[in-house]
C-alpha atoms as a PDB file:
ATOM      1  CA  MET A   1       0.000   0.000   0.000  1.00  0.00           C
ATOM      2  CA  GLY A   2       1.731   3.149  -1.193  1.00  0.00           C
ATOM      3  CA  PRO A   3       1.192   6.744  -0.086  1.00  0.00           C
ATOM      4  CA  ALA A   4      -1.323   7.396  -2.872  1.00  0.00           C
ATOM      5  CA  SER A   5      -3.592   4.613  -1.599  1.00  0.00           C
ATOM      6  CA  LEU A   6      -3.784   6.252   1.852  1.00  0.00           C
ATOM      7  CA  VAL A   7      -5.540   9.375   0.565  1.00  0.00           C
ATOM      8  CA  GLY A   8      -8.858   9.863   2.334  1.00  0.00           C
ATOM      9  CA  MET A   9      -8.160   7.447   5.198  1.00  0.00           C
ATOM     10  CA  THR A  10      -8.625   8.671   8.749  1.00  0.00           C
ATOM     11  CA  THR A  11      -7.431   7.322  12.058  1.00  0.00           C
ATOM     12  CA  ARG A  12      -9.357   7.778  15.269  1.00  0.00           C
ATOM     13  CA  ILE A  13      -7.300   7.924  18.442  1.00  0.00           C
ATOM     14  CA  ASP A  14      -9.326   7.378  21.611  1.00  0.00           C
ATOM     15  CA  CYS A  15      -7.201   7.628  24.758  1.00  0.00           C
ATOM     16  CA  ASP A  16     -10.049   6.094  26.782  1.00  0.00           C
ATOM     17  CA  THR A  17      -9.528   2.770  24.995  1.00  0.00           C
ATOM     18  CA  CYS A  18      -5.718   2.780  25.144  1.00  0.00           C
ATOM     19  CA  VAL A  19      -4.474  -0.197  27.179  1.00  0.00           C
ATOM     20  CA  VAL A  20      -1.347   1.683  28.322  1.00  0.00           C
ATOM     21  CA  ARG A  21      -3.056   4.985  29.151  1.00  0.00           C
ATOM     22  CA  GLY A  22      -1.342   6.547  32.114  1.00  0.00           C
ATOM     23  CA  LEU A  23       1.676   4.260  31.831  1.00  0.00           C
ATOM     24  CA  ALA A  24       2.852   5.454  28.443  1.00  0.00           C
ATOM     25  CA  CYS A  25       1.221   8.886  28.087  1.00  0.00           C
ATOM     26  CA  HIS A  26       4.479  10.660  28.919  1.00  0.00           C
ATOM     27  CA  ASP A  27       6.125   9.606  25.662  1.00  0.00           C
ATOM     28  CA  CYS A  28       3.102   9.208  23.374  1.00  0.00           C
ATOM     29  CA  VAL A  29       2.884  11.297  20.215  1.00  0.00           C
ATOM     30  CA  VAL A  30      -0.689  12.287  21.139  1.00  0.00           C
ATOM     31  CA  THR A  31       0.544  13.814  24.404  1.00  0.00           C
ATOM     32  CA  VAL A  32       3.327  15.628  22.565  1.00  0.00           C
ATOM     33  CA  LEU A  33       0.930  17.080  20.009  1.00  0.00           C
ATOM     34  CA  LEU A  34      -2.228  17.644  22.063  1.00  0.00           C
ATOM     35  CA  GLY A  35      -1.226  17.495  25.715  1.00  0.00           C
ATOM     36  CA  PRO A  36      -2.043  14.815  28.280  1.00  0.00           C
ATOM     37  CA  PRO A  37      -5.520  13.281  28.496  1.00  0.00           C
ATOM     38  CA  PRO A  38      -7.876  14.761  31.101  1.00  0.00           C
ATOM     39  CA  GLU A  39      -7.402  13.753  34.700  1.00  0.00           C
ATOM     40  CA  LEU A  40      -9.187  10.792  36.168  1.00  0.00           C
ATOM     41  CA  THR A  41     -11.681  11.345  38.946  1.00  0.00           C
ATOM     42  CA  PHE A  42     -12.543   8.878  41.697  1.00  0.00           C
ATOM     43  CA  ASP A  43     -15.318   9.135  44.241  1.00  0.00           C
ATOM     44  CA  ASP A  44     -14.808   8.272  47.922  1.00  0.00           C
ATOM     45  CA  ASP A  45     -15.997   4.671  47.496  1.00  0.00           C
ATOM     46  CA  GLU A  46     -13.566   4.079  44.635  1.00  0.00           C
ATOM     47  CA  ARG A  47     -10.726   5.635  46.611  1.00  0.00           C
ATOM     48  CA  ARG A  48     -11.452   3.328  49.573  1.00  0.00           C
ATOM     49  CA  ALA A  49     -11.532   0.350  47.193  1.00  0.00           C
ATOM     50  CA  PHE A  50      -8.078   1.303  45.891  1.00  0.00           C
ATOM     51  CA  ASP A  51      -6.823   1.535  49.467  1.00  0.00           C
ATOM     52  CA  VAL A  52      -8.186  -1.948  50.297  1.00  0.00           C
ATOM     53  CA  LEU A  53      -6.663  -3.480  47.163  1.00  0.00           C
ATOM     54  CA  ALA A  54      -3.304  -1.856  47.916  1.00  0.00           C
ATOM     55  CA  ALA A  55      -3.400  -2.961  51.567  1.00  0.00           C
ATOM     56  CA  GLY A  56      -3.971  -6.530  50.357  1.00  0.00           C
ATOM     57  CA  GLY A  57      -0.985  -6.322  48.018  1.00  0.00           C
ATOM     58  CA  LEU A  58      -3.139  -6.743  44.915  1.00  0.00           C
ATOM     59  CA  VAL A  59      -2.228  -3.393  43.346  1.00  0.00           C
ATOM     60  CA  PRO A  60       0.415  -0.758  44.038  1.00  0.00           C
ATOM     61  CA  PRO A  61      -0.708   2.128  46.245  1.00  0.00           C
ATOM     62  CA  LEU A  62      -2.201   5.208  44.645  1.00  0.00           C
ATOM     63  CA  ARG A  63       0.595   7.752  44.320  1.00  0.00           C
ATOM     64  CA  LEU A  64      -1.684  10.758  44.171  1.00  0.00           C
ATOM     65  CA  VAL A  65      -0.237  13.955  45.587  1.00  0.00           C
ATOM     66  CA  GLN A  66      -2.683  16.815  45.877  1.00  0.00           C
ATOM     67  CA  SER A  67      -1.651  20.411  46.425  1.00  0.00           C
ATOM     68  CA  VAL A  68      -2.867  22.154  49.550  1.00  0.00           C
ATOM     69  CA  ALA A  69      -3.687  25.353  47.694  1.00  0.00           C
ATOM     70  CA  PRO A  70      -4.228  25.929  43.984  1.00  0.00           C
ATOM     71  CA  PRO A  71      -1.193  27.350  42.188  1.00  0.00           C
ATOM     72  CA  HIS A  72      -1.066  31.121  41.872  1.00  0.00           C
ATOM     73  CA  VAL A  73      -0.872  32.284  38.273  1.00  0.00           C
ATOM     74  CA  GLU A  74      -0.038  35.896  37.556  1.00  0.00           C
ATOM     75  CA  SER A  75      -1.275  37.604  34.438  1.00  0.00           C
ATOM     76  CA  ALA A  76       0.868  39.841  32.281  1.00  0.00           C
END
């Protein structure tokens, strides 16, 4: 299949279906071109479930570090 046969083809990239999302985002071409995918959100029940799984040695602990105060951004 040469370059001429690729005319009109499109590729859909869906980060939500990527099996290495989070693990490989840092060196993915999509991240380089468009920025990282949006952050994940967990409710309290999900967070407790992660803690239980980590305490049982089934998954690594969540390495989330949250800032105490939002960063201060000055305008020009």
